[in-house]
Amino acid sequence: MPYNVQLIETLSIIMVMTSVAAVEFRNLNRAAQAYRLQALLIAGLICAFAVGNPALYVWAVVAVITKAVLTPHFIFRYISKAQEDEVPAILGFGPSVVIASGLLFAFYKLTHTYVYLLAPTPEAALGVFRTNLAISLTVFVLGLYAILSRRDAIKTVIGLCLLENAVHLSLVSLAPSLRETALIGVATEVVVTVYLLLYVISGIREKFGTTDTFELANLHW
C-alpha cells in the first residue's frame, strides 16, 4: 500500500524539533505547548499510515483526545497553580542545547545506519520506516535526557510523555498494517499515569513548597 512518504517524513522531522523545544524551553507553558504540537503530529502520522489500515483512524482519534487535549489540560492546570518557569536545570541553556543536539544527531545516525540490529525485518529497512524508527529512538533519548537532566518535576512528566510518543511512533512504523497495532496503541496511552503523577506532584508542592526533585530527595515525611 503506497504511503505519502514526504508527509510522513516531514511530520516525523518536526516531531524531533518539538521534542527539543519541549526539553529546552525553560517556560513550562511553552514546553507544554511544544508537547501538545507533538501530540497532534503523532495523530497526523497515525492517519498517514491509516491508508493501509483504517483501524488506525480509531487510534488517531484516541491520540488527539488523550495526548492533545487531556494530557496538556492536566499539565496546564498544574502550571497555573505553580510557577511558569521551571526549577533551574543541572545545565545552563547553552550547554544543554549542545548536548541535546549531539544526542539527536548521534542516535539518529546510529539507528538509521544499524536499523537491522534493532528491528531485523524487511519492512524496517525500507526508507520511510527506517527513517521513522531512527526518529522514534531519537525522541525517546531526548525524553530520557529530559528526565535525567531536569530538576523540575513537571519536566519529568513531559519527558515521560516524550518517551510514550517515541514508543508509539516506533509501533506504528514497525507494524502499520496490523489491526492489533491500533489496539496496542490505544491500550498503552499513559494519560491516567500523567494525571496521577501531577496529582502527587501537586500534593508534594503544597506540603513542601517545592517540586525540585533534588531537594525532595533530601526531605522526609
N, C-alpha and C. Protein backbone atom coordinates (compact mmCIF):
# COMPACT_ATOMS: atom_id res chain seq x y z
N MET A 1 0.84 -1.19 0.00
CA MET A 1 0.00 0.00 0.00
C MET A 1 0.89 1.25 0.00
N PRO A 2 0.73 2.16 -0.99
CA PRO A 2 1.58 3.35 -1.05
C PRO A 2 1.23 4.35 0.06
N TYR A 3 2.25 4.87 0.70
CA TYR A 3 2.07 5.89 1.72
C TYR A 3 2.60 7.21 1.18
N ASN A 4 2.13 8.29 1.77
CA ASN A 4 2.65 9.62 1.43
C ASN A 4 3.97 9.80 2.19
N VAL A 5 5.03 9.36 1.57
CA VAL A 5 6.34 9.33 2.23
C VAL A 5 6.79 10.72 2.65
N GLN A 6 6.61 11.69 1.76
CA GLN A 6 7.06 13.05 2.07
C GLN A 6 6.33 13.61 3.29
N LEU A 7 5.02 13.37 3.37
CA LEU A 7 4.23 13.84 4.52
C LEU A 7 4.70 13.17 5.80
N ILE A 8 4.88 11.86 5.76
CA ILE A 8 5.29 11.12 6.94
C ILE A 8 6.65 11.58 7.44
N GLU A 9 7.60 11.72 6.52
CA GLU A 9 8.94 12.12 6.93
C GLU A 9 8.96 13.56 7.44
N THR A 10 8.15 14.43 6.85
CA THR A 10 8.08 15.82 7.32
C THR A 10 7.53 15.89 8.73
N LEU A 11 6.43 15.18 8.98
CA LEU A 11 5.83 15.17 10.32
C LEU A 11 6.81 14.58 11.34
N SER A 12 7.54 13.54 10.94
CA SER A 12 8.49 12.91 11.85
C SER A 12 9.63 13.85 12.21
N ILE A 13 10.14 14.58 11.23
CA ILE A 13 11.23 15.52 11.49
C ILE A 13 10.77 16.65 12.42
N ILE A 14 9.54 17.14 12.19
CA ILE A 14 9.02 18.18 13.08
C ILE A 14 8.86 17.64 14.49
N MET A 15 8.59 16.34 14.61
CA MET A 15 8.50 15.73 15.94
C MET A 15 9.79 15.89 16.71
N VAL A 16 10.91 15.74 16.04
CA VAL A 16 12.21 15.93 16.69
C VAL A 16 12.35 17.37 17.16
N MET A 17 11.94 18.31 16.33
CA MET A 17 12.05 19.72 16.68
C MET A 17 11.18 20.04 17.90
N THR A 18 9.97 19.48 17.95
CA THR A 18 9.11 19.72 19.11
C THR A 18 9.67 19.05 20.36
N SER A 19 10.36 17.95 20.20
CA SER A 19 10.98 17.28 21.35
C SER A 19 12.05 18.17 21.96
N VAL A 20 12.90 18.75 21.10
CA VAL A 20 13.95 19.65 21.59
C VAL A 20 13.32 20.85 22.28
N ALA A 21 12.26 21.39 21.68
CA ALA A 21 11.58 22.54 22.27
C ALA A 21 10.98 22.18 23.64
N ALA A 22 10.34 21.03 23.73
CA ALA A 22 9.72 20.63 24.99
C ALA A 22 10.77 20.44 26.09
N VAL A 23 11.94 19.98 25.70
CA VAL A 23 13.02 19.77 26.67
C VAL A 23 13.69 21.08 27.05
N GLU A 24 13.95 21.93 26.07
CA GLU A 24 14.79 23.10 26.30
C GLU A 24 14.06 24.38 26.68
N PHE A 25 12.77 24.49 26.36
CA PHE A 25 12.04 25.67 26.80
C PHE A 25 12.01 25.70 28.32
N ARG A 26 12.49 26.78 28.90
CA ARG A 26 12.51 26.88 30.36
C ARG A 26 11.17 27.38 30.91
N ASN A 27 10.35 27.96 30.04
CA ASN A 27 9.00 28.33 30.42
C ASN A 27 8.12 27.09 30.26
N LEU A 28 7.48 26.67 31.34
CA LEU A 28 6.74 25.41 31.33
C LEU A 28 5.54 25.46 30.40
N ASN A 29 4.89 26.62 30.27
CA ASN A 29 3.76 26.73 29.36
C ASN A 29 4.20 26.50 27.91
N ARG A 30 5.34 27.07 27.55
CA ARG A 30 5.85 26.86 26.19
C ARG A 30 6.26 25.41 25.97
N ALA A 31 6.86 24.81 26.98
CA ALA A 31 7.24 23.40 26.86
C ALA A 31 6.01 22.52 26.68
N ALA A 32 4.95 22.84 27.42
CA ALA A 32 3.71 22.06 27.30
C ALA A 32 3.06 22.28 25.94
N GLN A 33 3.16 23.50 25.41
CA GLN A 33 2.63 23.77 24.07
C GLN A 33 3.39 22.96 23.02
N ALA A 34 4.71 22.86 23.20
CA ALA A 34 5.51 22.06 22.27
C ALA A 34 5.09 20.60 22.32
N TYR A 35 4.80 20.11 23.52
CA TYR A 35 4.32 18.72 23.64
C TYR A 35 2.97 18.57 22.96
N ARG A 36 2.08 19.54 23.14
CA ARG A 36 0.76 19.46 22.51
C ARG A 36 0.89 19.40 20.99
N LEU A 37 1.79 20.22 20.43
CA LEU A 37 2.01 20.18 18.99
C LEU A 37 2.51 18.81 18.56
N GLN A 38 3.41 18.23 19.36
CA GLN A 38 3.91 16.90 19.02
C GLN A 38 2.80 15.86 19.07
N ALA A 39 1.88 16.02 20.01
CA ALA A 39 0.75 15.09 20.09
C ALA A 39 -0.09 15.14 18.82
N LEU A 40 -0.29 16.34 18.29
CA LEU A 40 -1.03 16.47 17.03
C LEU A 40 -0.25 15.85 15.88
N LEU A 41 1.07 15.97 15.92
CA LEU A 41 1.91 15.35 14.88
C LEU A 41 1.78 13.83 14.92
N ILE A 42 1.76 13.27 16.13
CA ILE A 42 1.60 11.82 16.27
C ILE A 42 0.28 11.38 15.65
N ALA A 43 -0.79 12.12 15.96
CA ALA A 43 -2.09 11.79 15.39
C ALA A 43 -2.06 11.88 13.87
N GLY A 44 -1.37 12.91 13.35
CA GLY A 44 -1.25 13.05 11.91
C GLY A 44 -0.48 11.90 11.28
N LEU A 45 0.57 11.45 11.95
CA LEU A 45 1.35 10.32 11.45
C LEU A 45 0.52 9.03 11.44
N ILE A 46 -0.25 8.84 12.47
CA ILE A 46 -1.10 7.65 12.53
C ILE A 46 -2.11 7.67 11.38
N CYS A 47 -2.69 8.85 11.11
CA CYS A 47 -3.62 8.97 9.99
C CYS A 47 -2.93 8.70 8.67
N ALA A 48 -1.68 9.15 8.54
CA ALA A 48 -0.94 8.91 7.30
C ALA A 48 -0.73 7.43 7.05
N PHE A 49 -0.50 6.69 8.12
CA PHE A 49 -0.32 5.24 7.98
C PHE A 49 -1.66 4.51 7.85
N ALA A 50 -2.74 5.16 8.21
CA ALA A 50 -4.06 4.53 8.16
C ALA A 50 -4.54 4.26 6.74
N VAL A 51 -3.80 4.78 5.75
CA VAL A 51 -4.13 4.50 4.35
C VAL A 51 -4.17 2.99 4.11
N GLY A 52 -3.25 2.27 4.77
CA GLY A 52 -3.20 0.82 4.61
C GLY A 52 -3.88 0.06 5.72
N ASN A 53 -4.42 0.77 6.71
CA ASN A 53 -5.06 0.10 7.85
C ASN A 53 -6.06 1.07 8.49
N PRO A 54 -7.31 1.07 8.02
CA PRO A 54 -8.32 2.02 8.52
C PRO A 54 -8.53 1.96 10.03
N ALA A 55 -8.18 0.83 10.66
CA ALA A 55 -8.34 0.72 12.11
C ALA A 55 -7.49 1.76 12.84
N LEU A 56 -6.44 2.24 12.18
CA LEU A 56 -5.57 3.23 12.82
C LEU A 56 -6.27 4.58 13.02
N TYR A 57 -7.33 4.83 12.27
CA TYR A 57 -8.07 6.08 12.47
C TYR A 57 -8.65 6.17 13.88
N VAL A 58 -9.06 5.03 14.41
CA VAL A 58 -9.57 4.99 15.79
C VAL A 58 -8.48 5.41 16.75
N TRP A 59 -7.28 4.88 16.54
CA TRP A 59 -6.13 5.24 17.39
C TRP A 59 -5.83 6.73 17.26
N ALA A 60 -5.92 7.26 16.04
CA ALA A 60 -5.64 8.67 15.83
C ALA A 60 -6.60 9.55 16.63
N VAL A 61 -7.88 9.18 16.62
CA VAL A 61 -8.87 9.95 17.38
C VAL A 61 -8.57 9.88 18.88
N VAL A 62 -8.25 8.67 19.36
CA VAL A 62 -7.91 8.50 20.78
C VAL A 62 -6.66 9.31 21.12
N ALA A 63 -5.69 9.33 20.21
CA ALA A 63 -4.45 10.08 20.45
C ALA A 63 -4.74 11.57 20.58
N VAL A 64 -5.62 12.10 19.74
CA VAL A 64 -5.97 13.52 19.83
C VAL A 64 -6.61 13.83 21.18
N ILE A 65 -7.54 12.96 21.60
CA ILE A 65 -8.26 13.20 22.86
C ILE A 65 -7.32 13.10 24.06
N THR A 66 -6.51 12.06 24.09
CA THR A 66 -5.67 11.82 25.26
C THR A 66 -4.39 12.65 25.27
N LYS A 67 -3.72 12.74 24.10
CA LYS A 67 -2.42 13.40 24.04
C LYS A 67 -2.53 14.91 23.82
N ALA A 68 -3.44 15.32 22.93
CA ALA A 68 -3.51 16.73 22.55
C ALA A 68 -4.53 17.52 23.37
N VAL A 69 -5.43 16.83 24.06
CA VAL A 69 -6.47 17.53 24.84
C VAL A 69 -6.31 17.28 26.33
N LEU A 70 -6.46 16.02 26.76
CA LEU A 70 -6.49 15.73 28.19
C LEU A 70 -5.15 15.95 28.88
N THR A 71 -4.10 15.34 28.34
CA THR A 71 -2.79 15.46 28.99
C THR A 71 -2.31 16.92 29.07
N PRO A 72 -2.35 17.70 27.99
CA PRO A 72 -1.97 19.11 28.12
C PRO A 72 -2.86 19.88 29.09
N HIS A 73 -4.15 19.53 29.12
CA HIS A 73 -5.06 20.19 30.06
C HIS A 73 -4.60 19.98 31.49
N PHE A 74 -4.24 18.74 31.83
CA PHE A 74 -3.77 18.45 33.18
C PHE A 74 -2.48 19.21 33.48
N ILE A 75 -1.57 19.25 32.50
CA ILE A 75 -0.30 19.94 32.69
C ILE A 75 -0.51 21.43 32.87
N PHE A 76 -1.31 22.04 32.01
CA PHE A 76 -1.56 23.48 32.11
C PHE A 76 -2.27 23.83 33.42
N ARG A 77 -3.18 22.97 33.85
CA ARG A 77 -3.88 23.23 35.11
C ARG A 77 -2.91 23.21 36.27
N TYR A 78 -1.95 22.28 36.22
CA TYR A 78 -0.94 22.23 37.29
C TYR A 78 -0.07 23.49 37.25
N ILE A 79 0.38 23.88 36.06
CA ILE A 79 1.25 25.05 35.93
C ILE A 79 0.56 26.30 36.45
N SER A 80 -0.75 26.41 36.19
CA SER A 80 -1.48 27.61 36.64
C SER A 80 -1.49 27.74 38.15
N LYS A 81 -1.27 26.65 38.86
CA LYS A 81 -1.26 26.67 40.32
C LYS A 81 0.16 26.80 40.88
N ALA A 82 1.13 26.70 40.00
CA ALA A 82 2.54 26.77 40.45
C ALA A 82 3.24 27.86 39.66
N GLN A 83 4.55 27.71 39.50
CA GLN A 83 5.33 28.70 38.76
C GLN A 83 5.38 28.34 37.28
N GLU A 84 5.49 29.38 36.43
CA GLU A 84 5.55 29.14 34.99
C GLU A 84 6.94 28.74 34.54
N ASP A 85 7.97 29.20 35.23
CA ASP A 85 9.33 28.86 34.85
C ASP A 85 9.81 27.64 35.63
N GLU A 86 10.48 26.76 34.95
CA GLU A 86 10.92 25.54 35.62
C GLU A 86 12.03 25.82 36.63
N VAL A 87 12.16 24.90 37.58
CA VAL A 87 13.29 24.97 38.53
C VAL A 87 14.57 24.91 37.71
N PRO A 88 15.57 25.76 38.01
CA PRO A 88 16.82 25.75 37.23
C PRO A 88 17.38 24.35 37.03
N ALA A 89 17.70 24.06 35.78
CA ALA A 89 18.19 22.72 35.44
C ALA A 89 19.64 22.53 35.87
N ILE A 90 20.11 21.30 35.75
CA ILE A 90 21.50 20.99 36.10
C ILE A 90 22.46 21.77 35.20
N LEU A 91 22.11 21.85 33.91
CA LEU A 91 22.96 22.54 32.93
C LEU A 91 22.29 23.83 32.47
N GLY A 92 23.08 24.81 32.09
CA GLY A 92 22.56 26.03 31.52
C GLY A 92 21.96 25.77 30.15
N PHE A 93 21.26 26.79 29.62
CA PHE A 93 20.56 26.61 28.34
C PHE A 93 21.53 26.24 27.22
N GLY A 94 22.63 26.97 27.09
CA GLY A 94 23.58 26.71 26.01
C GLY A 94 24.15 25.31 26.01
N PRO A 95 24.80 24.90 27.13
CA PRO A 95 25.34 23.53 27.19
C PRO A 95 24.29 22.46 26.99
N SER A 96 23.08 22.70 27.52
CA SER A 96 22.02 21.71 27.38
C SER A 96 21.60 21.54 25.92
N VAL A 97 21.50 22.66 25.19
CA VAL A 97 21.14 22.59 23.77
C VAL A 97 22.21 21.84 22.99
N VAL A 98 23.47 22.08 23.33
CA VAL A 98 24.58 21.39 22.64
C VAL A 98 24.48 19.88 22.88
N ILE A 99 24.25 19.50 24.13
CA ILE A 99 24.15 18.08 24.45
C ILE A 99 22.93 17.45 23.76
N ALA A 100 21.78 18.14 23.83
CA ALA A 100 20.57 17.62 23.20
C ALA A 100 20.77 17.46 21.69
N SER A 101 21.44 18.43 21.06
CA SER A 101 21.70 18.35 19.62
C SER A 101 22.65 17.20 19.30
N GLY A 102 23.66 17.02 20.16
CA GLY A 102 24.58 15.91 19.97
C GLY A 102 23.89 14.56 20.07
N LEU A 103 23.01 14.42 21.06
CA LEU A 103 22.24 13.18 21.21
C LEU A 103 21.35 12.96 20.00
N LEU A 104 20.74 14.03 19.53
CA LEU A 104 19.84 13.95 18.38
C LEU A 104 20.57 13.38 17.17
N PHE A 105 21.67 14.00 16.79
CA PHE A 105 22.38 13.57 15.59
C PHE A 105 23.02 12.20 15.76
N ALA A 106 23.58 11.94 16.95
CA ALA A 106 24.26 10.67 17.19
C ALA A 106 23.29 9.49 17.11
N PHE A 107 22.17 9.59 17.81
CA PHE A 107 21.24 8.46 17.84
C PHE A 107 20.47 8.31 16.54
N TYR A 108 20.21 9.42 15.86
CA TYR A 108 19.56 9.30 14.54
C TYR A 108 20.48 8.56 13.58
N LYS A 109 21.74 8.97 13.54
CA LYS A 109 22.69 8.35 12.63
C LYS A 109 22.91 6.88 12.99
N LEU A 110 23.04 6.61 14.29
CA LEU A 110 23.28 5.24 14.73
C LEU A 110 22.12 4.32 14.36
N THR A 111 20.91 4.77 14.65
CA THR A 111 19.74 3.95 14.37
C THR A 111 19.50 3.80 12.88
N HIS A 112 19.64 4.88 12.15
CA HIS A 112 19.40 4.83 10.71
C HIS A 112 20.41 3.90 10.02
N THR A 113 21.62 3.85 10.54
CA THR A 113 22.67 3.01 9.93
C THR A 113 22.52 1.55 10.32
N TYR A 114 22.17 1.30 11.58
CA TYR A 114 22.12 -0.08 12.08
C TYR A 114 20.70 -0.49 12.45
N VAL A 115 19.73 -0.06 11.66
CA VAL A 115 18.33 -0.36 11.97
C VAL A 115 18.06 -1.86 11.97
N TYR A 116 18.81 -2.60 11.17
CA TYR A 116 18.58 -4.05 11.09
C TYR A 116 18.92 -4.76 12.39
N LEU A 117 19.73 -4.14 13.23
CA LEU A 117 20.03 -4.74 14.54
C LEU A 117 18.90 -4.50 15.54
N LEU A 118 18.23 -3.37 15.43
CA LEU A 118 17.14 -3.04 16.33
C LEU A 118 15.82 -3.65 15.88
N ALA A 119 15.61 -3.72 14.58
CA ALA A 119 14.37 -4.28 14.03
C ALA A 119 14.71 -5.09 12.80
N PRO A 120 15.13 -6.35 12.99
CA PRO A 120 15.57 -7.18 11.87
C PRO A 120 14.42 -7.71 11.01
N THR A 121 13.70 -6.80 10.37
CA THR A 121 12.60 -7.17 9.48
C THR A 121 12.79 -6.46 8.15
N PRO A 122 12.34 -7.06 7.04
CA PRO A 122 12.49 -6.42 5.73
C PRO A 122 11.81 -5.05 5.67
N GLU A 123 10.64 -4.92 6.32
CA GLU A 123 9.89 -3.66 6.28
C GLU A 123 10.65 -2.53 6.98
N ALA A 124 11.32 -2.87 8.08
CA ALA A 124 12.02 -1.85 8.85
C ALA A 124 13.18 -1.25 8.07
N ALA A 125 13.69 -1.98 7.09
CA ALA A 125 14.83 -1.49 6.31
C ALA A 125 14.40 -0.55 5.18
N LEU A 126 13.10 -0.47 4.92
CA LEU A 126 12.62 0.40 3.86
C LEU A 126 12.71 1.86 4.27
N GLY A 127 12.79 2.74 3.29
CA GLY A 127 13.05 4.15 3.52
C GLY A 127 12.27 4.82 4.62
N VAL A 128 10.94 4.96 4.46
CA VAL A 128 10.15 5.72 5.41
C VAL A 128 10.12 5.07 6.79
N PHE A 129 10.09 3.74 6.83
CA PHE A 129 10.06 3.04 8.10
C PHE A 129 11.41 3.17 8.81
N ARG A 130 12.45 3.09 8.04
CA ARG A 130 13.80 3.22 8.60
C ARG A 130 14.00 4.60 9.21
N THR A 131 13.57 5.62 8.49
CA THR A 131 13.68 6.99 8.99
C THR A 131 12.85 7.17 10.25
N ASN A 132 11.63 6.66 10.25
CA ASN A 132 10.76 6.82 11.41
C ASN A 132 11.29 6.11 12.65
N LEU A 133 11.89 4.95 12.45
CA LEU A 133 12.45 4.22 13.59
C LEU A 133 13.64 5.00 14.16
N ALA A 134 14.43 5.59 13.28
CA ALA A 134 15.56 6.40 13.75
C ALA A 134 15.07 7.61 14.53
N ILE A 135 14.01 8.23 14.03
CA ILE A 135 13.45 9.40 14.72
C ILE A 135 12.80 9.00 16.03
N SER A 136 12.14 7.84 16.07
CA SER A 136 11.49 7.41 17.31
C SER A 136 12.52 7.19 18.42
N LEU A 137 13.66 6.58 18.08
CA LEU A 137 14.70 6.39 19.10
C LEU A 137 15.29 7.74 19.51
N THR A 138 15.42 8.65 18.57
CA THR A 138 15.95 9.98 18.89
C THR A 138 15.03 10.70 19.87
N VAL A 139 13.72 10.66 19.61
CA VAL A 139 12.74 11.28 20.51
C VAL A 139 12.77 10.60 21.88
N PHE A 140 12.92 9.27 21.87
CA PHE A 140 12.99 8.52 23.13
C PHE A 140 14.18 8.98 23.97
N VAL A 141 15.33 9.12 23.32
CA VAL A 141 16.54 9.54 24.03
C VAL A 141 16.39 10.97 24.56
N LEU A 142 15.76 11.85 23.78
CA LEU A 142 15.54 13.22 24.24
C LEU A 142 14.61 13.25 25.44
N GLY A 143 13.59 12.38 25.43
CA GLY A 143 12.70 12.29 26.59
C GLY A 143 13.44 11.79 27.82
N LEU A 144 14.29 10.79 27.63
CA LEU A 144 15.09 10.28 28.73
C LEU A 144 16.05 11.34 29.24
N TYR A 145 16.61 12.12 28.32
CA TYR A 145 17.51 13.21 28.71
C TYR A 145 16.77 14.24 29.56
N ALA A 146 15.53 14.54 29.20
CA ALA A 146 14.74 15.48 29.99
C ALA A 146 14.53 14.97 31.41
N ILE A 147 14.25 13.69 31.54
CA ILE A 147 14.02 13.11 32.86
C ILE A 147 15.28 13.15 33.71
N LEU A 148 16.43 12.89 33.09
CA LEU A 148 17.68 12.79 33.85
C LEU A 148 18.34 14.14 34.12
N SER A 149 18.09 15.13 33.26
CA SER A 149 18.83 16.38 33.38
C SER A 149 18.03 17.53 33.99
N ARG A 150 16.74 17.32 34.20
CA ARG A 150 15.92 18.40 34.72
C ARG A 150 15.56 18.17 36.18
N ARG A 151 15.51 19.26 36.94
CA ARG A 151 15.18 19.17 38.36
C ARG A 151 13.70 19.41 38.62
N ASP A 152 13.01 20.02 37.66
CA ASP A 152 11.60 20.32 37.85
C ASP A 152 10.76 19.08 37.58
N ALA A 153 9.86 18.77 38.50
CA ALA A 153 9.05 17.56 38.38
C ALA A 153 8.16 17.59 37.15
N ILE A 154 7.68 18.78 36.76
CA ILE A 154 6.81 18.86 35.59
C ILE A 154 7.58 18.51 34.33
N LYS A 155 8.88 18.84 34.28
CA LYS A 155 9.69 18.45 33.12
C LYS A 155 9.89 16.94 33.08
N THR A 156 9.90 16.32 34.26
CA THR A 156 9.96 14.85 34.30
C THR A 156 8.72 14.25 33.66
N VAL A 157 7.57 14.84 33.94
CA VAL A 157 6.32 14.38 33.34
C VAL A 157 6.34 14.57 31.83
N ILE A 158 6.81 15.73 31.38
CA ILE A 158 6.89 15.98 29.94
C ILE A 158 7.86 15.00 29.29
N GLY A 159 8.97 14.71 29.97
CA GLY A 159 9.92 13.72 29.45
C GLY A 159 9.26 12.36 29.30
N LEU A 160 8.43 11.98 30.28
CA LEU A 160 7.70 10.72 30.20
C LEU A 160 6.77 10.71 28.99
N CYS A 161 6.11 11.83 28.73
CA CYS A 161 5.22 11.93 27.58
C CYS A 161 5.98 11.78 26.27
N LEU A 162 7.20 12.34 26.21
CA LEU A 162 8.02 12.18 25.01
C LEU A 162 8.41 10.72 24.81
N LEU A 163 8.72 10.03 25.90
CA LEU A 163 9.04 8.61 25.80
C LEU A 163 7.87 7.83 25.20
N GLU A 164 6.67 8.14 25.67
CA GLU A 164 5.50 7.44 25.17
C GLU A 164 5.27 7.72 23.69
N ASN A 165 5.42 8.97 23.29
CA ASN A 165 5.25 9.31 21.88
C ASN A 165 6.26 8.58 21.00
N ALA A 166 7.48 8.44 21.50
CA ALA A 166 8.51 7.72 20.74
C ALA A 166 8.14 6.25 20.58
N VAL A 167 7.63 5.66 21.64
CA VAL A 167 7.21 4.25 21.57
C VAL A 167 6.08 4.09 20.56
N HIS A 168 5.13 5.02 20.56
CA HIS A 168 4.01 4.93 19.63
C HIS A 168 4.46 5.13 18.19
N LEU A 169 5.42 6.03 17.97
CA LEU A 169 5.93 6.22 16.61
C LEU A 169 6.63 4.96 16.12
N SER A 170 7.41 4.32 16.98
CA SER A 170 8.08 3.08 16.57
C SER A 170 7.06 1.98 16.32
N LEU A 171 6.00 1.94 17.12
CA LEU A 171 4.97 0.91 16.95
C LEU A 171 4.28 1.04 15.60
N VAL A 172 3.83 2.24 15.27
CA VAL A 172 3.12 2.42 14.00
C VAL A 172 4.07 2.28 12.82
N SER A 173 5.36 2.50 13.02
CA SER A 173 6.33 2.34 11.94
C SER A 173 6.67 0.88 11.70
N LEU A 174 6.68 0.08 12.76
CA LEU A 174 7.05 -1.32 12.63
C LEU A 174 5.92 -2.19 12.09
N ALA A 175 4.69 -1.88 12.50
CA ALA A 175 3.58 -2.75 12.10
C ALA A 175 2.35 -1.93 11.72
N PRO A 176 2.44 -1.10 10.70
CA PRO A 176 1.31 -0.24 10.34
C PRO A 176 0.12 -0.97 9.75
N SER A 177 0.33 -2.18 9.25
CA SER A 177 -0.74 -2.89 8.56
C SER A 177 -1.52 -3.84 9.46
N LEU A 178 -1.08 -4.04 10.68
CA LEU A 178 -1.76 -4.96 11.59
C LEU A 178 -2.88 -4.26 12.34
N ARG A 179 -4.04 -4.89 12.43
CA ARG A 179 -5.15 -4.31 13.19
C ARG A 179 -4.79 -4.21 14.67
N GLU A 180 -3.96 -5.15 15.15
CA GLU A 180 -3.58 -5.14 16.56
C GLU A 180 -2.76 -3.90 16.93
N THR A 181 -2.14 -3.27 15.93
CA THR A 181 -1.34 -2.08 16.20
C THR A 181 -2.20 -0.98 16.82
N ALA A 182 -3.40 -0.78 16.29
CA ALA A 182 -4.30 0.23 16.85
C ALA A 182 -4.71 -0.12 18.27
N LEU A 183 -4.99 -1.39 18.51
CA LEU A 183 -5.40 -1.82 19.85
C LEU A 183 -4.29 -1.61 20.86
N ILE A 184 -3.07 -1.98 20.48
CA ILE A 184 -1.93 -1.80 21.38
C ILE A 184 -1.69 -0.32 21.65
N GLY A 185 -1.79 0.51 20.60
CA GLY A 185 -1.59 1.94 20.75
C GLY A 185 -2.58 2.56 21.72
N VAL A 186 -3.85 2.21 21.58
CA VAL A 186 -4.88 2.73 22.47
C VAL A 186 -4.65 2.25 23.90
N ALA A 187 -4.27 0.98 24.04
CA ALA A 187 -4.10 0.39 25.37
C ALA A 187 -2.90 0.94 26.12
N THR A 188 -1.93 1.51 25.39
CA THR A 188 -0.70 1.98 26.06
C THR A 188 -0.69 3.48 26.27
N GLU A 189 -1.82 4.15 26.13
CA GLU A 189 -1.88 5.58 26.46
C GLU A 189 -1.62 5.76 27.96
N VAL A 190 -0.89 6.80 28.31
CA VAL A 190 -0.49 6.98 29.71
C VAL A 190 -1.16 8.19 30.35
N VAL A 191 -2.31 8.59 29.81
CA VAL A 191 -2.97 9.79 30.32
C VAL A 191 -3.32 9.65 31.80
N VAL A 192 -3.75 8.46 32.20
CA VAL A 192 -4.08 8.25 33.61
C VAL A 192 -2.83 8.36 34.47
N THR A 193 -1.73 7.80 33.99
CA THR A 193 -0.47 7.88 34.72
C THR A 193 -0.03 9.33 34.89
N VAL A 194 -0.15 10.12 33.82
CA VAL A 194 0.21 11.54 33.89
C VAL A 194 -0.65 12.26 34.91
N TYR A 195 -1.96 11.98 34.89
CA TYR A 195 -2.86 12.63 35.85
C TYR A 195 -2.47 12.29 37.29
N LEU A 196 -2.18 11.03 37.54
CA LEU A 196 -1.80 10.61 38.89
C LEU A 196 -0.48 11.24 39.32
N LEU A 197 0.48 11.28 38.39
CA LEU A 197 1.77 11.90 38.71
C LEU A 197 1.60 13.38 39.07
N LEU A 198 0.81 14.09 38.27
CA LEU A 198 0.59 15.51 38.54
C LEU A 198 -0.17 15.71 39.86
N TYR A 199 -1.07 14.81 40.16
CA TYR A 199 -1.80 14.88 41.43
C TYR A 199 -0.84 14.73 42.61
N VAL A 200 0.07 13.77 42.49
CA VAL A 200 1.06 13.55 43.55
C VAL A 200 2.00 14.74 43.65
N ILE A 201 2.46 15.24 42.49
CA ILE A 201 3.37 16.38 42.48
C ILE A 201 2.71 17.60 43.12
N SER A 202 1.43 17.80 42.82
CA SER A 202 0.71 18.93 43.40
C SER A 202 0.65 18.82 44.92
N GLY A 203 0.41 17.60 45.41
CA GLY A 203 0.37 17.37 46.86
C GLY A 203 1.73 17.63 47.50
N ILE A 204 2.79 17.20 46.83
CA ILE A 204 4.14 17.41 47.36
C ILE A 204 4.46 18.90 47.40
N ARG A 205 4.07 19.63 46.34
CA ARG A 205 4.33 21.08 46.32
C ARG A 205 3.61 21.79 47.46
N GLU A 206 2.36 21.38 47.71
CA GLU A 206 1.60 22.02 48.79
C GLU A 206 2.21 21.71 50.15
N LYS A 207 2.76 20.51 50.31
CA LYS A 207 3.30 20.10 51.61
C LYS A 207 4.70 20.65 51.85
N PHE A 208 5.55 20.62 50.81
CA PHE A 208 6.95 21.00 50.99
C PHE A 208 7.31 22.32 50.31
N GLY A 209 6.40 22.87 49.49
CA GLY A 209 6.67 24.15 48.87
C GLY A 209 7.65 24.10 47.72
N THR A 210 7.91 22.94 47.16
CA THR A 210 8.86 22.83 46.05
C THR A 210 8.54 21.60 45.20
N THR A 211 8.92 21.67 43.94
CA THR A 211 8.86 20.50 43.06
C THR A 211 10.25 20.21 42.49
N ASP A 212 11.25 20.75 43.15
CA ASP A 212 12.65 20.48 42.79
C ASP A 212 12.96 19.05 43.23
N THR A 213 13.16 18.17 42.28
CA THR A 213 13.37 16.77 42.61
C THR A 213 14.65 16.54 43.41
N PHE A 214 15.64 17.43 43.25
CA PHE A 214 16.88 17.29 44.01
C PHE A 214 16.63 17.60 45.49
N GLU A 215 15.83 18.63 45.76
CA GLU A 215 15.53 18.97 47.14
C GLU A 215 14.61 17.94 47.79
N LEU A 216 13.69 17.42 47.00
CA LEU A 216 12.75 16.43 47.53
C LEU A 216 13.47 15.17 47.97
N ALA A 217 14.59 14.87 47.34
CA ALA A 217 15.35 13.67 47.70
C ALA A 217 15.91 13.78 49.12
N ASN A 218 16.07 15.02 49.60
CA ASN A 218 16.63 15.23 50.94
C ASN A 218 15.56 15.44 52.02
N LEU A 219 14.30 15.42 51.58
CA LEU A 219 13.22 15.66 52.55
C LEU A 219 12.71 14.35 53.14
N HIS A 220 12.11 14.46 54.31
CA HIS A 220 11.50 13.29 54.96
C HIS A 220 10.07 13.64 55.34
N TRP A 221 9.21 12.68 55.18
CA TRP A 221 7.82 12.90 55.52
C TRP A 221 7.68 12.97 57.04
